[in-house]
């Protein structure tokens, strides 16, 4: 059997789109129960409660989760409020403890997906179970690693599988905590339309303000659900406070979602997919132009310090020749490419000129 053969009927047990919500980290029994109670009381369609029991941190000495004791709190949430439960596992020890606590859904985090040895260990520990396992994209934009992680799980007989799009790390700082890179996720979805895809707007945005927009964008292109961090007191959360929302805000976000029934196969779905990719590319273009202008600022400072003229004819000749070459290579209009380069060059001169003026 291969990934394309999977039926993944497990997702039909839940209302669509399937929503998973709860705190980034389990902090105390009271925090877990209050968050669960308030999610329930809002009436939001959230059948699955999530909480991080073990937290992989970038640096040591940070809060790394409460550990196994938090699984008892998850069990209590299930008993008192009827939620299914979900948590992240990063090694065999986590798997065995989660299975003993009867956690319903396990997910493999981005830092684990990137390591085939870790995924293989988790897959082997899960062998013989029928648990649902969701795999987040790896931290780096590598589609093969993402697919490979799911194949390792399938190789151990795990057939209830799903994917979570949580964005990709980048060295450059942008408005996102993790850049969506929709192209990679949509390539995955196109290749494996039978594998449910969920959006993780919390980790893509890294803040509360963009959550609704990213979630809606995912629904527009046929994602089957979302995993969103919700905390009874987000500002006091022990981890990722800025990206968590109250249960009441969560309910409002879910209630405002517009769900398209056509999916990727229909006209609306295809249009949504293309528009999402264009928006993603436009965002990348703006970010790159911003970085270019910052370099222009540095060049302007160097020219001022060394008493060099801003406009360099030889440099402009190189740029126009490069534009002509790229137009030929890409099959694009040479006139269009030259206009783009000219506009960029003129703005760069303006940036450098403003530095000259400021320094006088």
Protein backbone atom coordinates (compact mmCIF):
# COMPACT_ATOMS: atom_id res chain seq x y z
CA UNK A 1 0.00 0.00 0.00
CA UNK A 2 1.12 3.56 -0.66
CA UNK A 3 -0.13 6.95 0.52
CA UNK A 4 -2.36 7.39 -2.52
CA UNK A 5 -4.32 4.24 -1.57
CA UNK A 6 -5.38 5.45 1.88
CA UNK A 7 -9.10 6.07 2.43
CA UNK A 8 -8.70 8.11 5.64
CA UNK A 9 -12.31 7.61 6.67
CA UNK A 10 -11.36 8.66 10.20
CA UNK A 11 -11.99 12.33 9.43
CA UNK A 12 -15.64 11.60 8.61
CA UNK A 13 -16.23 10.94 12.31
CA UNK A 14 -15.94 14.69 12.92
CA UNK A 15 -17.93 17.73 11.81
CA UNK A 16 -16.36 19.46 8.83
CA UNK A 17 -14.17 21.43 8.86
CA UNK A 18 -12.52 19.53 11.71
CA UNK A 19 -11.36 21.87 14.46
CA UNK A 20 -8.70 21.10 17.05
CA UNK A 21 -8.19 23.70 19.77
CA UNK A 22 -6.66 24.15 23.19
CA UNK A 23 -3.63 25.67 24.89
CA UNK A 24 -0.14 25.58 23.46
CA UNK A 25 1.01 23.97 26.71
CA UNK A 26 -0.69 22.14 29.53
CA UNK A 27 0.19 24.27 32.57
CA UNK A 28 -2.15 23.09 35.33
CA UNK A 29 -5.28 21.05 35.76
CA UNK A 30 -7.28 24.22 36.48
CA UNK A 31 -6.01 25.91 33.30
CA UNK A 32 -6.90 22.87 31.18
CA UNK A 33 -10.37 22.44 32.62
CA UNK A 34 -11.26 26.12 32.44
CA UNK A 35 -10.14 26.35 28.81
CA UNK A 36 -12.09 23.20 27.92
CA UNK A 37 -15.20 24.39 29.79
CA UNK A 38 -15.21 27.75 28.05
CA UNK A 39 -14.68 26.23 24.59
CA UNK A 40 -17.63 23.94 25.31
CA UNK A 41 -19.81 26.77 26.60
CA UNK A 42 -19.28 28.88 23.48
CA UNK A 43 -21.01 26.21 21.42
CA UNK A 44 -18.17 26.30 18.88
CA UNK A 45 -17.84 23.21 16.71
CA UNK A 46 -14.62 21.96 18.30
CA UNK A 47 -14.63 18.19 18.87
CA UNK A 48 -10.93 17.80 19.70
CA UNK A 49 -9.02 19.40 22.57
CA UNK A 50 -5.26 19.82 22.18
CA UNK A 51 -2.48 20.60 24.63
CA UNK A 52 1.31 20.34 24.51
CA UNK A 53 2.56 17.94 27.18
CA UNK A 54 6.18 17.99 26.06
CA UNK A 55 7.46 21.20 24.47
CA UNK A 56 10.53 21.19 22.21
CA UNK A 57 12.19 24.55 22.89
CA UNK A 58 14.75 26.31 20.71
CA UNK A 59 17.01 27.06 23.70
CA UNK A 60 17.56 25.18 26.98
CA UNK A 61 16.18 26.34 30.33
CA UNK A 62 12.83 27.36 28.83
CA UNK A 63 9.51 25.78 29.78
CA UNK A 64 9.62 22.32 28.23
CA UNK A 65 6.20 21.11 29.30
CA UNK A 66 4.83 19.56 32.47
CA UNK A 67 5.42 16.02 31.24
CA UNK A 68 3.38 12.91 31.93
CA UNK A 69 1.27 14.50 34.68
CA UNK A 70 -0.39 16.63 32.00
CA UNK A 71 -1.78 13.49 30.35
CA UNK A 72 -3.97 13.00 33.43
CA UNK A 73 -5.38 16.48 32.87
CA UNK A 74 -6.13 15.61 29.25
CA UNK A 75 -8.00 12.49 30.45
CA UNK A 76 -10.01 14.63 32.82
CA UNK A 77 -10.92 17.03 29.99
CA UNK A 78 -12.20 14.04 28.01
CA UNK A 79 -14.18 12.65 30.95
CA UNK A 80 -15.78 15.93 32.02
CA UNK A 81 -16.44 17.62 28.66
CA UNK A 82 -16.50 14.82 26.09
CA UNK A 83 -13.70 16.07 23.87
CA UNK A 84 -11.42 13.80 21.91
CA UNK A 85 -7.83 14.66 22.86
CA UNK A 86 -4.63 15.40 20.95
CA UNK A 87 -0.99 16.04 21.77
CA UNK A 88 2.46 16.11 20.17
CA UNK A 89 4.88 13.21 20.48
CA UNK A 90 8.59 13.46 19.73
CA UNK A 91 10.00 10.06 20.73
CA UNK A 92 8.98 6.51 21.65
CA UNK A 93 8.64 7.39 25.35
CA UNK A 94 6.08 10.07 24.49
CA UNK A 95 4.17 7.61 22.29
CA UNK A 96 3.93 4.92 24.96
CA UNK A 97 2.82 7.42 27.61
CA UNK A 98 0.20 8.95 25.26
CA UNK A 99 -1.13 5.53 24.31
CA UNK A 100 -1.43 4.54 27.96
CA UNK A 101 -3.41 7.74 28.60
CA UNK A 102 -5.63 6.91 25.59
CA UNK A 103 -4.91 10.15 23.75
CA UNK A 104 -7.00 9.97 20.58
CA UNK A 105 -4.87 11.90 18.08
CA UNK A 106 -1.10 12.29 18.06
CA UNK A 107 0.85 14.73 15.96
CA UNK A 108 4.49 14.86 14.97
CA UNK A 109 5.94 18.38 15.20
CA UNK A 110 7.94 20.25 12.59
CA UNK A 111 11.24 19.76 14.42
CA UNK A 112 10.65 16.01 14.48
CA UNK A 113 9.42 15.66 10.89
CA UNK A 114 12.76 17.00 9.67
CA UNK A 115 14.59 14.03 11.24
CA UNK A 116 13.92 10.63 9.61
CA UNK A 117 15.45 8.77 12.59
CA UNK A 118 12.99 10.42 14.96
CA UNK A 119 10.02 9.74 12.70
CA UNK A 120 11.07 6.10 12.32
CA UNK A 121 11.30 5.71 16.11
CA UNK A 122 7.83 7.17 16.56
CA UNK A 123 6.41 5.04 13.75
CA UNK A 124 7.82 1.84 15.23
CA UNK A 125 6.45 2.72 18.67
CA UNK A 126 2.99 3.17 17.11
CA UNK A 127 3.04 -0.14 15.24
CA UNK A 128 -0.06 -2.18 15.98
CA UNK A 129 -2.26 0.75 16.97
CA UNK A 130 -5.10 2.38 15.07
CA UNK A 131 -4.45 5.88 16.35
CA UNK A 132 -4.78 8.88 14.09
CA UNK A 133 -1.42 10.54 13.47
CA UNK A 134 -1.01 14.01 11.98
CA UNK A 135 2.32 15.14 10.56
CA UNK A 136 3.35 18.79 10.52
CA UNK A 137 5.46 20.03 7.65
CA UNK A 138 9.20 20.08 8.42
CA UNK A 139 10.68 23.39 9.56
CA UNK A 140 12.56 23.72 6.27
CA UNK A 141 10.68 23.83 2.93
CA UNK A 142 11.26 20.24 1.87
CA UNK A 143 8.25 18.44 0.39
CA UNK A 144 10.08 15.10 0.16
CA UNK A 145 10.78 15.08 3.92
CA UNK A 146 7.11 15.72 4.65
CA UNK A 147 5.98 12.92 2.37
CA UNK A 148 8.72 10.63 3.67
CA UNK A 149 7.52 11.03 7.25
CA UNK A 150 4.03 9.87 6.30
CA UNK A 151 5.48 6.98 4.31
CA UNK A 152 7.45 5.84 7.36
CA UNK A 153 4.25 5.78 9.42
CA UNK A 154 2.40 3.88 6.70
CA UNK A 155 5.29 1.44 6.56
CA UNK A 156 4.55 0.50 10.17
CA UNK A 157 0.86 -0.06 9.45
CA UNK A 158 -0.43 3.34 10.57
CA UNK A 159 -3.22 4.17 8.12
CA UNK A 160 -5.19 6.94 9.84
CA UNK A 161 -3.02 9.80 8.66
CA UNK A 162 -3.30 13.53 8.11
CA UNK A 163 -1.04 16.51 7.44
CA UNK A 164 -0.72 19.87 9.18
CA UNK A 165 0.53 22.96 7.35
CA UNK A 166 2.24 25.14 9.95
CA UNK A 167 4.54 27.20 7.77
CA UNK A 168 8.31 27.14 7.21
CA UNK A 169 11.17 28.79 9.04
CA UNK A 170 13.19 31.50 7.35
CA UNK A 171 16.28 33.42 8.31
CA UNK A 172 14.74 36.70 7.21
CA UNK A 173 12.24 38.30 9.59
CA UNK A 174 8.81 38.79 8.03
CA UNK A 175 5.30 39.50 9.28
CA UNK A 176 4.90 35.74 9.73
CA UNK A 177 6.51 33.64 12.42
CA UNK A 178 6.75 30.91 9.80
CA UNK A 179 6.21 31.73 6.13
CA UNK A 180 3.19 29.87 4.70
CA UNK A 181 4.90 28.91 1.42
CA UNK A 182 1.48 27.85 0.16
CA UNK A 183 3.02 26.33 -2.98
CA UNK A 184 4.61 23.47 -1.01
CA UNK A 185 1.46 22.67 0.97
CA UNK A 186 -0.75 22.85 -2.12
CA UNK A 187 1.68 20.63 -4.04
CA UNK A 188 1.31 18.11 -1.22
CA UNK A 189 -2.47 18.44 -1.34
CA UNK A 190 -2.56 18.06 -5.11
CA UNK A 191 -0.39 14.95 -4.95
CA UNK A 192 -2.34 13.38 -2.07
CA UNK A 193 -5.90 14.75 -2.12
CA UNK A 194 -6.98 11.75 -0.04
CA UNK A 195 -4.86 12.82 2.96
CA UNK A 196 -6.69 15.39 5.11
CA UNK A 197 -4.86 18.71 5.35
CA UNK A 198 -5.24 21.00 8.36
CA UNK A 199 -3.98 24.54 8.77
CA UNK A 200 -2.05 25.69 11.85
CA UNK A 201 -2.52 29.46 11.72
CA UNK A 202 -1.11 29.93 15.23
CA UNK A 203 2.39 28.89 14.20
CA UNK A 204 2.22 30.55 10.79
CA UNK A 205 1.20 33.92 12.24
CA UNK A 206 2.92 33.91 15.61
CA UNK A 207 0.32 36.49 16.68
CA UNK A 208 -3.44 36.78 17.11
CA UNK A 209 -4.20 39.34 14.45
CA UNK A 210 -3.63 37.20 11.37
CA UNK A 211 -5.29 33.97 12.50
CA UNK A 212 -8.68 34.49 10.90
CA UNK A 213 -7.24 35.49 7.52
CA UNK A 214 -4.88 32.52 7.26
CA UNK A 215 -7.59 30.09 8.39
CA UNK A 216 -10.05 31.45 5.84
CA UNK A 217 -7.44 31.25 3.09
CA UNK A 218 -6.92 27.58 3.92
CA UNK A 219 -10.66 26.92 3.80
CA UNK A 220 -10.82 28.65 0.41
CA UNK A 221 -8.42 26.09 -1.08
CA UNK A 222 -10.07 23.02 0.38
CA UNK A 223 -8.31 22.31 3.68
CA UNK A 224 -10.37 20.01 5.89
CA UNK A 225 -9.71 21.65 9.25
CA UNK A 226 -7.53 23.69 11.55
CA UNK A 227 -5.54 23.37 14.75
CA UNK A 228 -5.67 26.62 16.72
CA UNK A 229 -4.16 27.51 20.08
CA UNK A 230 -6.68 28.72 22.66
CA UNK A 231 -6.00 29.57 26.30
CA UNK A 232 -8.24 30.72 29.14
CA UNK A 233 -5.82 33.58 29.84
CA UNK A 234 -3.55 33.99 26.78
CA UNK A 235 -1.52 36.93 28.08
CA UNK A 236 -0.34 34.81 31.02
CA UNK A 237 0.44 31.67 28.99
CA UNK A 238 3.75 29.98 29.75
CA UNK A 239 4.56 29.50 26.07
CA UNK A 240 3.65 31.31 22.82
CA UNK A 241 1.37 33.77 24.61
CA UNK A 242 1.16 36.17 21.65
CA UNK A 243 -0.42 33.62 19.30
CA UNK A 244 -3.07 32.18 21.62
CA UNK A 245 -6.67 33.38 21.78
CA UNK A 246 -9.47 33.04 24.31
CA UNK A 247 -12.19 30.42 23.75
CA UNK A 248 -14.65 33.21 23.03
CA UNK A 249 -12.45 34.71 20.29
CA UNK A 250 -11.93 31.20 18.93
CA UNK A 251 -15.69 30.69 18.67
CA UNK A 252 -16.04 33.99 16.82
CA UNK A 253 -13.26 33.04 14.40
CA UNK A 254 -14.88 29.68 13.63
CA UNK A 255 -18.34 31.22 13.33
CA UNK A 256 -17.11 33.75 10.74
CA UNK A 257 -15.47 31.17 8.47
CA UNK A 258 -16.96 30.83 5.00
CA UNK A 259 -16.75 27.22 3.92
CA UNK A 260 -16.60 26.45 0.21
CA UNK A 261 -18.15 23.14 -0.84
CA UNK A 262 -16.65 22.99 -4.33
CA UNK A 263 -13.16 21.97 -3.23
CA UNK A 264 -10.11 22.04 -5.45
CA UNK A 265 -11.89 20.16 -8.22
CA UNK A 266 -14.37 22.98 -8.88
CA UNK A 267 -13.89 26.32 -10.55
CA UNK A 268 -14.03 28.28 -7.28
CA UNK A 269 -11.49 25.98 -5.70
CA UNK A 270 -9.08 26.28 -8.59
CA UNK A 271 -9.45 30.05 -8.64
CA UNK A 272 -8.86 30.15 -4.89
CA UNK A 273 -5.76 28.02 -5.25
CA UNK A 274 -4.26 30.24 -7.96
CA UNK A 275 -5.11 33.42 -6.07
CA UNK A 276 -3.52 32.07 -2.92
CA UNK A 277 -0.34 31.24 -4.80
CA UNK A 278 -0.28 34.69 -6.39
CA UNK A 279 -0.76 36.32 -2.96
CA UNK A 280 2.07 34.19 -1.60
CA UNK A 281 4.39 35.21 -4.43
CA UNK A 282 3.39 38.86 -4.11
CA UNK A 283 4.26 38.73 -0.42
CA UNK A 284 7.65 37.22 -1.23
CA UNK A 285 8.28 39.90 -3.87
CA UNK A 286 7.53 42.68 -1.39
CA UNK A 287 9.76 41.09 1.25
CA UNK A 288 12.61 40.75 -1.26
CA UNK A 289 12.21 44.34 -2.41
CA UNK A 290 12.26 45.48 1.20
CA UNK A 291 15.52 43.59 1.77
CA UNK A 292 16.96 45.06 -1.44
CA UNK A 293 16.17 48.61 -0.34
CA UNK A 294 17.83 48.01 3.01
CA UNK A 295 20.99 47.03 1.13
CA UNK A 296 20.60 50.18 -0.97
CA UNK A 297 20.57 52.18 2.26
CA UNK A 298 23.89 50.63 3.26
CA UNK A 299 25.34 51.38 -0.19
CA UNK A 300 24.11 54.97 0.13
CA UNK A 301 25.93 55.36 3.44
CA UNK A 302 29.13 53.99 1.93
CA UNK A 303 28.85 56.37 -1.04
CA UNK A 304 28.33 59.32 1.30
CA UNK A 305 31.26 58.39 3.49
CA UNK A 306 33.53 58.01 0.44
CA UNK A 307 32.15 60.99 -1.51
CA UNK A 308 30.96 58.88 -4.46
CA UNK A 309 28.14 59.92 -6.80
CA UNK A 310 24.86 58.09 -6.38
CA UNK A 311 24.24 57.30 -10.04
CA UNK A 312 26.79 54.96 -11.57
CA UNK A 313 26.29 54.61 -15.37
CA UNK A 314 28.34 51.42 -15.58
CA UNK A 315 26.20 49.80 -12.93
CA UNK A 316 23.01 50.73 -14.78
CA UNK A 317 24.47 49.23 -17.97
CA UNK A 318 25.07 45.94 -16.14
CA UNK A 319 21.48 45.97 -14.81
CA UNK A 320 19.93 46.53 -18.25
CA UNK A 321 22.06 43.77 -19.79
CA UNK A 322 20.99 41.41 -17.00
CA UNK A 323 17.33 42.35 -17.56
CA UNK A 324 17.66 41.52 -21.25
CA UNK A 325 19.25 38.16 -20.44
CA UNK A 326 16.55 37.21 -17.89
CA UNK A 327 13.78 38.20 -20.28
CA UNK A 328 15.27 35.88 -22.89
CA UNK A 329 15.67 33.00 -20.39
CA UNK A 330 12.15 33.24 -18.96
CA UNK A 331 10.29 34.05 -22.16
CA UNK A 332 8.88 37.20 -20.58
CA UNK A 333 8.52 40.55 -22.29
CA UNK A 334 11.87 42.37 -22.37
CA UNK A 335 10.03 45.67 -22.15
CA UNK A 336 8.23 44.54 -18.99
CA UNK A 337 11.43 43.29 -17.31
CA UNK A 338 13.22 46.54 -18.15
CA UNK A 339 10.34 48.56 -16.67
CA UNK A 340 10.49 46.54 -13.45
CA UNK A 341 14.28 46.90 -13.14
CA UNK A 342 14.07 50.60 -13.97
CA UNK A 343 11.47 51.17 -11.27
CA UNK A 344 13.57 49.28 -8.72
CA UNK A 345 16.72 51.17 -9.72
CA UNK A 346 14.96 54.54 -9.51
CA UNK A 347 13.63 53.74 -6.05
CA UNK A 348 17.10 52.63 -4.98
CA UNK A 349 18.49 55.98 -6.11
CA UNK A 350 15.74 57.78 -4.17
CA UNK A 351 16.63 55.79 -1.03
CA UNK A 352 20.32 56.64 -1.39
CA UNK A 353 19.55 60.28 -2.16
CA UNK A 354 17.49 60.62 1.02
CA UNK A 355 20.48 59.37 2.99
CA UNK A 356 22.71 61.97 1.33
CA UNK A 357 20.24 64.70 2.27
CA UNK A 358 19.86 63.46 5.84
CA UNK A 359 23.59 63.45 6.33
CA UNK A 360 24.13 67.06 5.20
